[in-house]
């Protein structure tokens, strides 16, 4: 939605667009700022892990159950897990 608003911004001002969409201007500016940030590798691997678990469990786990599952079996799903350090 933010990208569409940015394109429409050429013809209309931000205030008018936000009123039309019933969106506060502060929310618009916040979303525009957040949408430009890249996702870190750690966050991306966590998202991929959560997707894998959701598919395996048939999308029946909620956020609490998913968190518990990740905490009990972290090495199986984390793509960026560190190898065992011997020394």
N, C-alpha and C. Protein backbone atom coordinates (compact mmCIF):
# COMPACT_ATOMS: atom_id res chain seq x y z
N UNK A 1 0.83 -1.18 0.00
CA UNK A 1 0.00 0.00 0.00
C UNK A 1 0.88 1.25 0.00
N UNK A 2 1.99 1.20 0.71
CA UNK A 2 2.87 2.36 0.79
C UNK A 2 3.44 2.69 -0.59
N UNK A 3 3.83 1.67 -1.36
CA UNK A 3 4.38 1.94 -2.68
C UNK A 3 3.35 2.55 -3.61
N UNK A 4 2.09 2.11 -3.49
CA UNK A 4 1.03 2.70 -4.30
C UNK A 4 0.79 4.15 -3.89
N UNK A 5 0.86 4.42 -2.59
CA UNK A 5 0.69 5.79 -2.12
C UNK A 5 1.84 6.67 -2.59
N UNK A 6 3.04 6.11 -2.62
CA UNK A 6 4.19 6.90 -3.09
C UNK A 6 4.02 7.27 -4.57
N UNK A 7 3.47 6.35 -5.36
CA UNK A 7 3.22 6.66 -6.78
C UNK A 7 2.12 7.70 -6.92
N UNK A 8 1.08 7.59 -6.11
CA UNK A 8 -0.03 8.54 -6.16
C UNK A 8 0.39 9.90 -5.61
N UNK A 9 1.47 9.93 -4.85
CA UNK A 9 1.94 11.17 -4.23
C UNK A 9 2.34 12.20 -5.28
N UNK A 10 2.60 11.76 -6.50
CA UNK A 10 2.96 12.69 -7.57
C UNK A 10 1.79 13.61 -7.92
N UNK A 11 0.56 13.10 -7.80
CA UNK A 11 -0.62 13.89 -8.17
C UNK A 11 -1.32 14.52 -6.97
N UNK A 12 -1.22 13.88 -5.81
CA UNK A 12 -1.94 14.33 -4.62
C UNK A 12 -0.96 14.53 -3.48
N UNK A 13 -1.36 15.32 -2.50
CA UNK A 13 -0.47 15.48 -1.34
C UNK A 13 -0.77 14.39 -0.31
N UNK A 14 0.14 14.23 0.62
CA UNK A 14 0.07 13.16 1.61
C UNK A 14 -1.18 13.27 2.48
N UNK A 15 -1.52 14.47 2.88
CA UNK A 15 -2.69 14.67 3.73
C UNK A 15 -3.96 14.16 3.06
N UNK A 16 -4.15 14.50 1.80
CA UNK A 16 -5.35 14.06 1.07
C UNK A 16 -5.40 12.55 0.92
N UNK A 17 -4.25 11.95 0.60
CA UNK A 17 -4.21 10.49 0.44
C UNK A 17 -4.52 9.77 1.76
N UNK A 18 -3.97 10.28 2.84
CA UNK A 18 -4.21 9.66 4.14
C UNK A 18 -5.67 9.80 4.57
N UNK A 19 -6.27 10.94 4.28
CA UNK A 19 -7.69 11.12 4.59
C UNK A 19 -8.54 10.17 3.77
N UNK A 20 -8.21 10.01 2.52
CA UNK A 20 -8.96 9.13 1.64
C UNK A 20 -8.90 7.68 2.13
N UNK A 21 -7.74 7.25 2.60
CA UNK A 21 -7.54 5.88 3.06
C UNK A 21 -7.82 5.69 4.55
N UNK A 22 -8.21 6.78 5.21
CA UNK A 22 -8.47 6.75 6.66
C UNK A 22 -7.25 6.20 7.41
N UNK A 23 -6.11 6.80 7.08
CA UNK A 23 -4.83 6.41 7.64
C UNK A 23 -4.17 7.65 8.21
N UNK A 24 -3.66 7.56 9.42
CA UNK A 24 -3.00 8.73 10.00
C UNK A 24 -1.68 8.99 9.27
N UNK A 25 -1.30 10.25 9.19
CA UNK A 25 -0.05 10.58 8.50
C UNK A 25 1.15 10.00 9.21
N UNK A 26 1.10 9.96 10.53
CA UNK A 26 2.23 9.40 11.27
C UNK A 26 2.41 7.91 10.94
N UNK A 27 1.29 7.21 10.78
CA UNK A 27 1.35 5.79 10.41
C UNK A 27 1.93 5.62 9.00
N UNK A 28 1.54 6.49 8.10
CA UNK A 28 2.07 6.46 6.74
C UNK A 28 3.59 6.64 6.74
N UNK A 29 4.06 7.67 7.45
CA UNK A 29 5.49 7.93 7.48
C UNK A 29 6.26 6.81 8.18
N UNK A 30 5.67 6.22 9.21
CA UNK A 30 6.30 5.10 9.90
C UNK A 30 6.44 3.91 8.95
N UNK A 31 5.36 3.56 8.25
CA UNK A 31 5.40 2.43 7.32
C UNK A 31 6.38 2.67 6.18
N UNK A 32 6.43 3.89 5.69
CA UNK A 32 7.37 4.22 4.62
C UNK A 32 8.81 4.06 5.10
N UNK A 33 9.07 4.42 6.33
CA UNK A 33 10.41 4.30 6.91
C UNK A 33 10.78 2.83 7.12
N UNK A 34 9.85 2.06 7.67
CA UNK A 34 10.10 0.65 7.98
C UNK A 34 10.23 -0.19 6.72
N UNK A 35 9.45 0.11 5.70
CA UNK A 35 9.46 -0.72 4.50
C UNK A 35 10.77 -0.62 3.73
N UNK A 36 11.57 0.40 3.98
CA UNK A 36 12.84 0.56 3.29
C UNK A 36 14.00 -0.16 3.97
N UNK A 37 13.79 -0.68 5.18
CA UNK A 37 14.86 -1.34 5.90
C UNK A 37 15.03 -2.78 5.41
N UNK A 38 16.26 -3.22 5.17
CA UNK A 38 16.48 -4.61 4.77
C UNK A 38 16.34 -5.54 5.97
N UNK A 39 15.97 -6.77 5.70
CA UNK A 39 15.81 -7.78 6.75
C UNK A 39 17.16 -8.45 6.96
N UNK A 40 17.55 -8.62 8.22
CA UNK A 40 18.83 -9.25 8.53
C UNK A 40 18.78 -10.74 8.20
N UNK A 41 19.95 -11.34 8.06
CA UNK A 41 20.04 -12.77 7.74
C UNK A 41 19.44 -13.62 8.86
N UNK A 42 19.67 -13.22 10.10
CA UNK A 42 19.14 -13.96 11.24
C UNK A 42 17.61 -13.94 11.23
N UNK A 43 17.03 -12.78 11.01
CA UNK A 43 15.57 -12.66 10.96
C UNK A 43 15.02 -13.46 9.79
N UNK A 44 15.69 -13.39 8.66
CA UNK A 44 15.23 -14.12 7.49
C UNK A 44 15.28 -15.63 7.73
N UNK A 45 16.33 -16.12 8.37
CA UNK A 45 16.41 -17.56 8.66
C UNK A 45 15.34 -17.99 9.66
N UNK A 46 15.03 -17.12 10.62
CA UNK A 46 13.98 -17.43 11.59
C UNK A 46 12.62 -17.51 10.89
N UNK A 47 12.37 -16.61 9.97
CA UNK A 47 11.11 -16.63 9.22
C UNK A 47 11.01 -17.92 8.41
N UNK A 48 12.11 -18.31 7.76
CA UNK A 48 12.10 -19.55 6.98
C UNK A 48 11.85 -20.76 7.88
N UNK A 49 12.46 -20.76 9.08
CA UNK A 49 12.25 -21.85 10.03
C UNK A 49 10.80 -21.93 10.45
N UNK A 50 10.19 -20.79 10.71
CA UNK A 50 8.79 -20.76 11.13
C UNK A 50 7.88 -21.25 10.01
N UNK A 51 8.21 -20.92 8.77
CA UNK A 51 7.42 -21.40 7.64
C UNK A 51 7.52 -22.91 7.50
N UNK A 52 8.73 -23.46 7.67
CA UNK A 52 8.92 -24.91 7.58
C UNK A 52 8.11 -25.63 8.65
N UNK A 53 8.17 -25.12 9.87
CA UNK A 53 7.43 -25.74 10.98
C UNK A 53 5.93 -25.65 10.71
N UNK A 54 5.47 -24.52 10.22
CA UNK A 54 4.04 -24.35 9.94
C UNK A 54 3.57 -25.34 8.90
N UNK A 55 4.36 -25.56 7.87
CA UNK A 55 3.98 -26.53 6.84
C UNK A 55 3.96 -27.93 7.41
N UNK A 56 4.99 -28.29 8.21
CA UNK A 56 5.06 -29.62 8.79
C UNK A 56 3.90 -29.90 9.74
N UNK A 57 3.45 -28.90 10.45
CA UNK A 57 2.38 -29.11 11.44
C UNK A 57 1.00 -28.82 10.88
N UNK A 58 0.92 -28.51 9.61
CA UNK A 58 -0.39 -28.25 9.01
C UNK A 58 -1.00 -26.93 9.42
N UNK A 59 -0.16 -25.95 9.71
CA UNK A 59 -0.62 -24.61 10.10
C UNK A 59 -1.53 -24.62 11.32
N UNK A 60 -1.25 -25.53 12.27
CA UNK A 60 -2.10 -25.62 13.46
C UNK A 60 -1.45 -24.98 14.69
N UNK A 61 -0.20 -24.57 14.59
CA UNK A 61 0.49 -23.98 15.74
C UNK A 61 0.27 -22.48 15.78
N UNK A 62 -0.05 -21.98 16.97
CA UNK A 62 -0.13 -20.55 17.19
C UNK A 62 1.24 -20.02 17.59
N UNK A 63 1.30 -18.73 17.94
CA UNK A 63 2.60 -18.13 18.23
C UNK A 63 3.25 -18.72 19.48
N UNK A 64 2.47 -19.03 20.50
CA UNK A 64 3.05 -19.58 21.73
C UNK A 64 3.60 -20.99 21.51
N UNK A 65 2.84 -21.80 20.81
CA UNK A 65 3.25 -23.17 20.55
C UNK A 65 4.45 -23.20 19.59
N UNK A 66 4.46 -22.31 18.63
CA UNK A 66 5.57 -22.20 17.69
C UNK A 66 6.84 -21.77 18.41
N UNK A 67 6.72 -20.82 19.33
CA UNK A 67 7.87 -20.37 20.11
C UNK A 67 8.43 -21.51 20.95
N UNK A 68 7.55 -22.26 21.59
CA UNK A 68 7.97 -23.39 22.40
C UNK A 68 8.68 -24.43 21.53
N UNK A 69 8.14 -24.70 20.37
CA UNK A 69 8.73 -25.66 19.45
C UNK A 69 10.12 -25.23 19.02
N UNK A 70 10.28 -23.95 18.70
CA UNK A 70 11.60 -23.43 18.31
C UNK A 70 12.60 -23.48 19.45
N UNK A 71 12.13 -23.22 20.67
CA UNK A 71 13.03 -23.22 21.82
C UNK A 71 13.46 -24.62 22.21
N UNK A 72 12.64 -25.63 21.93
CA UNK A 72 13.00 -26.99 22.32
C UNK A 72 13.86 -27.68 21.27
N UNK A 73 13.73 -27.29 20.00
CA UNK A 73 14.50 -27.91 18.93
C UNK A 73 15.15 -26.85 18.04
N UNK A 74 16.02 -26.02 18.59
CA UNK A 74 16.55 -24.90 17.81
C UNK A 74 17.51 -25.30 16.69
N UNK A 75 18.36 -26.30 16.91
CA UNK A 75 19.39 -26.62 15.92
C UNK A 75 18.82 -27.24 14.65
N UNK A 76 17.68 -27.85 14.75
CA UNK A 76 17.09 -28.51 13.59
C UNK A 76 16.61 -27.50 12.54
N UNK A 77 16.14 -26.34 12.98
CA UNK A 77 15.50 -25.43 12.06
C UNK A 77 16.29 -24.17 11.75
N UNK A 78 17.23 -23.79 12.58
CA UNK A 78 17.96 -22.57 12.32
C UNK A 78 19.00 -22.80 11.24
N UNK A 79 18.90 -22.01 10.19
CA UNK A 79 19.83 -22.14 9.06
C UNK A 79 21.21 -21.60 9.43
N UNK A 80 21.24 -20.65 10.32
CA UNK A 80 22.50 -19.98 10.66
C UNK A 80 23.06 -20.45 11.98
N UNK A 81 22.76 -21.68 12.40
CA UNK A 81 23.26 -22.14 13.68
C UNK A 81 24.77 -22.35 13.59
N UNK A 82 25.46 -22.03 14.67
CA UNK A 82 26.91 -22.11 14.71
C UNK A 82 27.35 -23.57 14.86
N UNK A 83 28.41 -23.97 14.18
CA UNK A 83 28.92 -25.33 14.36
C UNK A 83 29.52 -25.49 15.75
N UNK A 84 29.57 -26.72 16.23
CA UNK A 84 30.14 -26.97 17.55
C UNK A 84 31.60 -26.57 17.56
N UNK A 85 31.96 -25.76 18.53
CA UNK A 85 33.33 -25.30 18.64
C UNK A 85 34.08 -26.25 19.57
N UNK A 86 35.14 -26.83 19.05
CA UNK A 86 35.95 -27.73 19.86
C UNK A 86 37.23 -27.00 20.24
N UNK A 87 37.63 -27.17 21.44
CA UNK A 87 38.84 -26.47 21.77
C UNK A 87 39.22 -26.67 23.13
